[in-house]
C-alpha atoms as a PDB file:
ATOM      1  CA  MET A   1      16.636  -2.046  36.460  1.00  0.00           C
ATOM      2  CA  LYS A   2      13.661  -3.975  35.105  1.00  0.00           C
ATOM      3  CA  THR A   3      13.510  -4.885  31.419  1.00  0.00           C
ATOM      4  CA  PRO A   4      10.808  -2.747  29.762  1.00  0.00           C
ATOM      5  CA  ASP A   5       7.824  -4.792  28.582  1.00  0.00           C
ATOM      6  CA  THR A   6       6.529  -2.289  26.020  1.00  0.00           C
ATOM      7  CA  TYR A   7       8.246  -0.448  23.191  1.00  0.00           C
ATOM      8  CA  LEU A   8       7.419   1.834  20.273  1.00  0.00           C
ATOM      9  CA  THR A   9       7.953   0.817  16.663  1.00  0.00           C
ATOM     10  CA  ILE A  10       6.317   1.453  13.282  1.00  0.00           C
ATOM     11  CA  ASN A  11       3.444  -0.569  11.849  1.00  0.00           C
ATOM     12  CA  ASP A  12       4.493  -0.587   8.205  1.00  0.00           C
ATOM     13  CA  LYS A  13       6.951   0.692   5.616  1.00  0.00           C
ATOM     14  CA  GLY A  14       7.349   4.476   5.393  1.00  0.00           C
ATOM     15  CA  GLU A  15       8.844   6.537   2.560  1.00  0.00           C
ATOM     16  CA  GLY A  16      10.364  10.004   2.526  1.00  0.00           C
ATOM     17  CA  LEU A  17      12.139  12.259   0.032  1.00  0.00           C
ATOM     18  CA  TYR A  18      14.469  15.247   0.320  1.00  0.00           C
ATOM     19  CA  LYS A  19      16.163  17.181  -2.478  1.00  0.00           C
ATOM     20  CA  GLU A  20      19.058  19.612  -2.185  1.00  0.00           C
ATOM     21  CA  LYS A  21      21.281  21.137  -4.939  1.00  0.00           C
ATOM     22  CA  GLY A  22      20.421  18.375  -7.385  1.00  0.00           C
ATOM     23  CA  SER A  23      21.014  15.524  -4.933  1.00  0.00           C
ATOM     24  CA  LYS A  24      18.042  13.313  -4.145  1.00  0.00           C
ATOM     25  CA  PHE A  25      17.704  11.485  -0.809  1.00  0.00           C
ATOM     26  CA  ILE A  26      15.169   8.651  -0.762  1.00  0.00           C
ATOM     27  CA  ALA A  27      14.388   7.405   2.750  1.00  0.00           C
ATOM     28  CA  LEU A  28      12.728   4.077   3.536  1.00  0.00           C
ATOM     29  CA  ALA A  29      11.739   2.926   7.033  1.00  0.00           C
ATOM     30  CA  TYR A  30      10.873  -0.690   7.866  1.00  0.00           C
ATOM     31  CA  PRO A  31       9.717  -2.514  11.008  1.00  0.00           C
ATOM     32  CA  VAL A  32      12.171  -5.368  11.703  1.00  0.00           C
ATOM     33  CA  SER A  33      13.063  -7.753  14.521  1.00  0.00           C
ATOM     34  CA  THR A  34      16.270  -9.495  13.385  1.00  0.00           C
ATOM     35  CA  ASN A  35      19.609  -8.736  11.715  1.00  0.00           C
ATOM     36  CA  ASP A  36      18.734 -11.204   8.963  1.00  0.00           C
ATOM     37  CA  GLU A  37      15.679  -9.142   7.996  1.00  0.00           C
ATOM     38  CA  ILE A  38      17.854  -6.034   7.793  1.00  0.00           C
ATOM     39  CA  LYS A  39      20.423  -7.767   5.563  1.00  0.00           C
ATOM     40  CA  ILE A  40      17.694  -8.834   3.137  1.00  0.00           C
ATOM     41  CA  ILE A  41      16.221  -5.316   3.004  1.00  0.00           C
ATOM     42  CA  LEU A  42      19.639  -3.745   2.332  1.00  0.00           C
ATOM     43  CA  ALA A  43      20.462  -6.299  -0.384  1.00  0.00           C
ATOM     44  CA  ASN A  44      17.123  -5.725  -2.114  1.00  0.00           C
ATOM     45  CA  LEU A  45      17.472  -1.944  -2.001  1.00  0.00           C
ATOM     46  CA  ARG A  46      20.957  -2.089  -3.511  1.00  0.00           C
ATOM     47  CA  LYS A  47      19.485  -4.068  -6.405  1.00  0.00           C
ATOM     48  CA  GLU A  48      16.435  -1.838  -6.827  1.00  0.00           C
ATOM     49  CA  TYR A  49      18.431   1.424  -6.632  1.00  0.00           C
ATOM     50  CA  HIS A  50      21.569   0.008  -8.262  1.00  0.00           C
ATOM     51  CA  ASP A  51      22.574   3.340  -9.810  1.00  0.00           C
ATOM     52  CA  ALA A  52      22.599   5.319  -6.540  1.00  0.00           C
ATOM     53  CA  ARG A  53      25.788   6.711  -4.965  1.00  0.00           C
ATOM     54  CA  HIS A  54      25.253   5.962  -1.250  1.00  0.00           C
ATOM     55  CA  TYR A  55      23.095   3.612   0.848  1.00  0.00           C
ATOM     56  CA  CYS A  56      23.285   4.996   4.386  1.00  0.00           C
ATOM     57  CA  TYR A  57      21.309   3.522   7.252  1.00  0.00           C
ATOM     58  CA  ALA A  58      20.708   3.117  10.962  1.00  0.00           C
ATOM     59  CA  TYR A  59      18.857   0.447  12.888  1.00  0.00           C
ATOM     60  CA  GLN A  60      17.872  -0.309  16.466  1.00  0.00           C
ATOM     61  CA  LEU A  61      16.631  -3.611  17.890  1.00  0.00           C
ATOM     62  CA  GLY A  62      15.160  -4.848  21.174  1.00  0.00           C
ATOM     63  CA  ALA A  63      12.991  -3.244  23.819  1.00  0.00           C
ATOM     64  CA  ASP A  64      16.151  -2.230  25.721  1.00  0.00           C
ATOM     65  CA  LYS A  65      17.577  -0.584  22.553  1.00  0.00           C
ATOM     66  CA  LYS A  66      20.993  -2.127  23.162  1.00  0.00           C
ATOM     67  CA  LYS A  67      21.438  -3.369  19.588  1.00  0.00           C
ATOM     68  CA  PHE A  68      21.997  -0.567  17.101  1.00  0.00           C
ATOM     69  CA  ARG A  69      24.263   0.359  14.226  1.00  0.00           C
ATOM     70  CA  VAL A  70      24.911   3.262  11.885  1.00  0.00           C
ATOM     71  CA  ASN A  71      26.548   3.234   8.457  1.00  0.00           C
ATOM     72  CA  ASP A  72      27.728   6.291   6.476  1.00  0.00           C
ATOM     73  CA  ASP A  73      28.551   4.246   3.339  1.00  0.00           C
ATOM     74  CA  GLY A  74      31.289   6.555   2.124  1.00  0.00           C
ATOM     75  CA  GLU A  75      29.820   9.857   3.287  1.00  0.00           C
ATOM     76  CA  PRO A  76      31.897  11.901   5.809  1.00  0.00           C
ATOM     77  CA  THR A  77      31.980  10.287   9.258  1.00  0.00           C
ATOM     78  CA  ASN A  78      28.799  10.856  11.292  1.00  0.00           C
ATOM     79  CA  SER A  79      27.140  12.884   8.526  1.00  0.00           C
ATOM     80  CA  ALA A  80      24.555  10.241   7.564  1.00  0.00           C
ATOM     81  CA  GLY A  81      24.078   7.242   9.864  1.00  0.00           C
ATOM     82  CA  GLN A  82      24.073   9.262  13.099  1.00  0.00           C
ATOM     83  CA  PRO A  83      21.474  11.798  11.915  1.00  0.00           C
ATOM     84  CA  ILE A  84      19.256   8.884  10.824  1.00  0.00           C
ATOM     85  CA  LEU A  85      19.668   7.186  14.213  1.00  0.00           C
ATOM     86  CA  GLY A  86      18.941  10.532  15.847  1.00  0.00           C
ATOM     87  CA  GLN A  87      15.490  10.553  14.235  1.00  0.00           C
ATOM     88  CA  ILE A  88      14.859   6.986  15.412  1.00  0.00           C
ATOM     89  CA  ASN A  89      15.797   7.958  18.965  1.00  0.00           C
ATOM     90  CA  SER A  90      13.900  11.252  18.956  1.00  0.00           C
ATOM     91  CA  ASN A  91      10.757   9.199  18.290  1.00  0.00           C
ATOM     92  CA  ASN A  92      11.814   6.624  20.920  1.00  0.00           C
ATOM     93  CA  LEU A  93      11.613   3.803  18.362  1.00  0.00           C
ATOM     94  CA  THR A  94      13.146   0.354  18.176  1.00  0.00           C
ATOM     95  CA  ASN A  95      12.851  -2.755  15.988  1.00  0.00           C
ATOM     96  CA  ILE A  96      13.320  -0.481  13.009  1.00  0.00           C
ATOM     97  CA  VAL A  97      15.739   0.184  10.167  1.00  0.00           C
ATOM     98  CA  VAL A  98      15.839   3.406   8.162  1.00  0.00           C
ATOM     99  CA  VAL A  99      17.792   3.479   4.891  1.00  0.00           C
ATOM    100  CA  VAL A 100      18.500   6.706   3.005  1.00  0.00           C
ATOM    101  CA  ILE A 101      19.602   6.285  -0.611  1.00  0.00           C
ATOM    102  CA  ARG A 102      21.440   9.207  -2.205  1.00  0.00           C
ATOM    103  CA  TYR A 103      21.615  10.121  -5.855  1.00  0.00           C
ATOM    104  CA  PHE A 104      24.451  12.647  -6.164  1.00  0.00           C
ATOM    105  CA  GLY A 105      23.507  15.864  -7.954  1.00  0.00           C
ATOM    106  CA  GLY A 106      27.009  17.083  -8.744  1.00  0.00           C
ATOM    107  CA  LYS A 107      27.324  19.726  -6.026  1.00  0.00           C
ATOM    108  CA  LEU A 108      28.883  19.126  -2.600  1.00  0.00           C
ATOM    109  CA  LEU A 109      26.613  19.906   0.338  1.00  0.00           C
ATOM    110  CA  GLY A 110      29.251  20.032   3.075  1.00  0.00           C
ATOM    111  CA  VAL A 111      28.972  18.098   6.326  1.00  0.00           C
ATOM    112  CA  GLY A 112      26.277  20.399   7.715  1.00  0.00           C
ATOM    113  CA  GLY A 113      24.215  20.082   4.552  1.00  0.00           C
ATOM    114  CA  LEU A 114      24.541  16.307   4.578  1.00  0.00           C
ATOM    115  CA  ILE A 115      23.484  16.062   8.224  1.00  0.00           C
ATOM    116  CA  ASN A 116      20.390  18.136   7.473  1.00  0.00           C
ATOM    117  CA  ALA A 117      19.574  16.138   4.341  1.00  0.00           C
ATOM    118  CA  TYR A 118      19.840  12.690   5.951  1.00  0.00           C
ATOM    119  CA  ARG A 119      18.015  13.844   9.084  1.00  0.00           C
ATOM    120  CA  THR A 120      15.168  15.419   7.103  1.00  0.00           C
ATOM    121  CA  ALA A 121      14.783  12.476   4.738  1.00  0.00           C
ATOM    122  CA  ALA A 122      14.633  10.049   7.688  1.00  0.00           C
ATOM    123  CA  ALA A 123      12.083  12.247   9.488  1.00  0.00           C
ATOM    124  CA  ASN A 124       9.912  12.322   6.354  1.00  0.00           C
ATOM    125  CA  ALA A 125       9.943   8.520   6.132  1.00  0.00           C
ATOM    126  CA  LEU A 126       8.966   8.158   9.787  1.00  0.00           C
ATOM    127  CA  SER A 127       6.121  10.657   9.409  1.00  0.00           C
ATOM    128  CA  ASP A 128       4.792   8.527   6.537  1.00  0.00           C
ATOM    129  CA  THR A 129       4.047   5.576   8.824  1.00  0.00           C
ATOM    130  CA  LYS A 130       2.223   5.015  12.111  1.00  0.00           C
ATOM    131  CA  ILE A 131       3.997   4.615  15.455  1.00  0.00           C
ATOM    132  CA  ILE A 132       2.542   1.757  17.514  1.00  0.00           C
ATOM    133  CA  THR A 133       3.122   0.235  20.954  1.00  0.00           C
ATOM    134  CA  LYS A 134       4.071  -3.438  21.228  1.00  0.00           C
ATOM    135  CA  THR A 135       4.628  -5.648  24.258  1.00  0.00           C
ATOM    136  CA  VAL A 136       7.591  -7.844  25.146  1.00  0.00           C
ATOM    137  CA  ASN A 137       6.241 -11.373  25.564  1.00  0.00           C
ATOM    138  CA  ASP A 138       7.569 -14.550  27.143  1.00  0.00           C
ATOM    139  CA  LEU A 139       6.581 -17.596  25.083  1.00  0.00           C
ATOM    140  CA  TYR A 140       5.356 -20.781  26.756  1.00  0.00           C
ATOM    141  CA  GLU A 141       4.235 -24.146  25.413  1.00  0.00           C
ATOM    142  CA  LEU A 142       1.329 -25.813  27.227  1.00  0.00           C
ATOM    143  CA  THR A 143       0.738 -29.556  26.838  1.00  0.00           C
ATOM    144  CA  PHE A 144      -2.428 -31.184  28.216  1.00  0.00           C
ATOM    145  CA  ALA A 145      -5.098 -33.800  27.556  1.00  0.00           C
ATOM    146  CA  TYR A 146      -8.006 -32.877  25.289  1.00  0.00           C
ATOM    147  CA  THR A 147     -10.421 -33.569  28.138  1.00  0.00           C
ATOM    148  CA  ILE A 148      -9.395 -30.365  29.963  1.00  0.00           C
ATOM    149  CA  ILE A 149      -9.258 -28.086  26.927  1.00  0.00           C
ATOM    150  CA  ASN A 150     -12.171 -25.976  28.188  1.00  0.00           C
ATOM    151  CA  ASP A 151     -10.337 -25.236  31.453  1.00  0.00           C
ATOM    152  CA  VAL A 152      -7.188 -24.196  29.591  1.00  0.00           C
ATOM    153  CA  MET A 153      -9.052 -21.998  27.103  1.00  0.00           C
ATOM    154  CA  ARG A 154     -10.926 -20.335  29.967  1.00  0.00           C
ATOM    155  CA  LEU A 155      -7.625 -19.465  31.654  1.00  0.00           C
ATOM    156  CA  ILE A 156      -6.261 -18.045  28.403  1.00  0.00           C
ATOM    157  CA  GLU A 157      -9.390 -15.932  27.947  1.00  0.00           C
ATOM    158  CA  GLU A 158      -9.431 -14.701  31.564  1.00  0.00           C
ATOM    159  CA  GLU A 159      -5.791 -13.631  31.428  1.00  0.00           C
ATOM    160  CA  LYS A 160      -6.120 -12.221  27.884  1.00  0.00           C
ATOM    161  CA  LEU A 161      -3.141 -14.264  26.670  1.00  0.00           C
ATOM    162  CA  THR A 162      -2.079 -14.443  23.029  1.00  0.00           C
ATOM    163  CA  ILE A 163      -2.258 -17.824  21.270  1.00  0.00           C
ATOM    164  CA  VAL A 164       0.726 -18.121  18.935  1.00  0.00           C
ATOM    165  CA  GLU A 165       0.192 -21.700  17.757  1.00  0.00           C
ATOM    166  CA  GLN A 166      -2.117 -24.582  18.656  1.00  0.00           C
ATOM    167  CA  THR A 167      -2.589 -28.296  17.914  1.00  0.00           C
ATOM    168  CA  PHE A 168      -5.660 -30.156  19.153  1.00  0.00           C
ATOM    169  CA  GLU A 169      -5.408 -33.953  19.254  1.00  0.00           C
ATOM    170  CA  ALA A 170      -5.564 -36.553  22.063  1.00  0.00           C
ATOM    171  CA  ASP A 171      -2.719 -34.554  23.599  1.00  0.00           C
ATOM    172  CA  CYS A 172      -3.080 -30.828  22.900  1.00  0.00           C
ATOM    173  CA  THR A 173      -0.331 -28.246  22.532  1.00  0.00           C
ATOM    174  CA  ILE A 174      -0.782 -24.485  22.700  1.00  0.00           C
ATOM    175  CA  ARG A 175       1.953 -21.889  22.512  1.00  0.00           C
ATOM    176  CA  ILE A 176       1.071 -18.659  24.272  1.00  0.00           C
ATOM    177  CA  GLY A 177       2.594 -15.212  24.550  1.00  0.00           C
ATOM    178  CA  VAL A 178       2.567 -13.635  28.011  1.00  0.00           C
ATOM    179  CA  ARG A 179       3.431  -9.991  28.611  1.00  0.00           C
ATOM    180  CA  LEU A 180       6.700  -9.853  30.531  1.00  0.00           C
ATOM    181  CA  SER A 181       5.270  -8.057  33.568  1.00  0.00           C
ATOM    182  CA  LYS A 182       2.635 -10.807  33.983  1.00  0.00           C
ATOM    183  CA  SER A 183       4.871 -13.741  33.065  1.00  0.00           C
ATOM    184  CA  GLU A 184       5.832 -14.981  36.537  1.00  0.00           C
ATOM    185  CA  ALA A 185       2.275 -14.752  37.889  1.00  0.00           C
ATOM    186  CA  ILE A 186       0.827 -16.631  34.908  1.00  0.00           C
ATOM    187  CA  LYS A 187       3.465 -19.358  35.172  1.00  0.00           C
ATOM    188  CA  LYS A 188       2.685 -19.837  38.866  1.00  0.00           C
ATOM    189  CA  ARG A 189      -1.036 -20.096  38.139  1.00  0.00           C
ATOM    190  CA  ILE A 190      -0.513 -22.725  35.432  1.00  0.00           C
ATOM    191  CA  ASP A 191       1.967 -24.637  37.621  1.00  0.00           C
ATOM    192  CA  LYS A 192      -0.849 -25.161  40.136  1.00  0.00           C
ATOM    193  CA  SER A 193      -2.637 -27.333  37.584  1.00  0.00           C
ATOM    194  CA  PRO A 194      -0.893 -30.752  37.522  1.00  0.00           C
ATOM    195  CA  GLU A 195      -2.744 -31.699  34.321  1.00  0.00           C
ATOM    196  CA  VAL A 196      -0.904 -29.013  32.339  1.00  0.00           C
ATOM    197  CA  ILE A 197       2.795 -29.204  31.478  1.00  0.00           C
ATOM    198  CA  ILE A 198       4.289 -25.757  30.893  1.00  0.00           C
ATOM    199  CA  LYS A 199       7.586 -25.215  29.074  1.00  0.00           C
ATOM    200  CA  TYR A 200       9.404 -21.916  28.566  1.00  0.00           C
ATOM    201  CA  ILE A 201      10.259 -21.343  24.885  1.00  0.00           C
ATOM    202  CA  GLY A 202      11.877 -17.931  24.801  1.00  0.00           C
ATOM    203  CA  ARG A 203      11.180 -14.219  24.579  1.00  0.00           C
ATOM    204  CA  ASN A 204       9.638 -12.335  21.692  1.00  0.00           C
ATOM    205  CA  ASN A 205      10.206  -8.612  21.380  1.00  0.00           C
END
């Protein structure tokens, strides 16, 4: 099965709110690409909402959606993290974390009530932001003499490649992003030019 080269995520932070029997559920959705980003977001939210009872969340990473996690943070098993992840999956999203912060109102909601509350709060946060399509890109570094810069820039323009970073001196270096489905064809085309050294850097999704 081929690795998908597009995926859906959100463009910016989204916020949602749900109230039930005095309890308040504040939902926050963020676009992310690494576990480190998620750790920072969670740490900051625990500081900002330091007096809350629960900090439940779910995240999903990668175009193949193989990296995901849910956390009930003390709520009954599968009553918080799974409903949040369910909203992420129902929108077919990845590279996202949704955190729902609960202020306890004094009355128990029961497992069914909790599932509804966390699901609704997460849905409200997702509806507060825009869903966008992104591509999975292979990253390459091109090294070449300044004298052929026009030829290289023409190729980049013709193939509609993304320039990630560039340095123009006697020897020039450009890092480009190439959509996964076009990666092999682009590499072969550049390989035909002996004046350009191409080096694979990694994959960005």
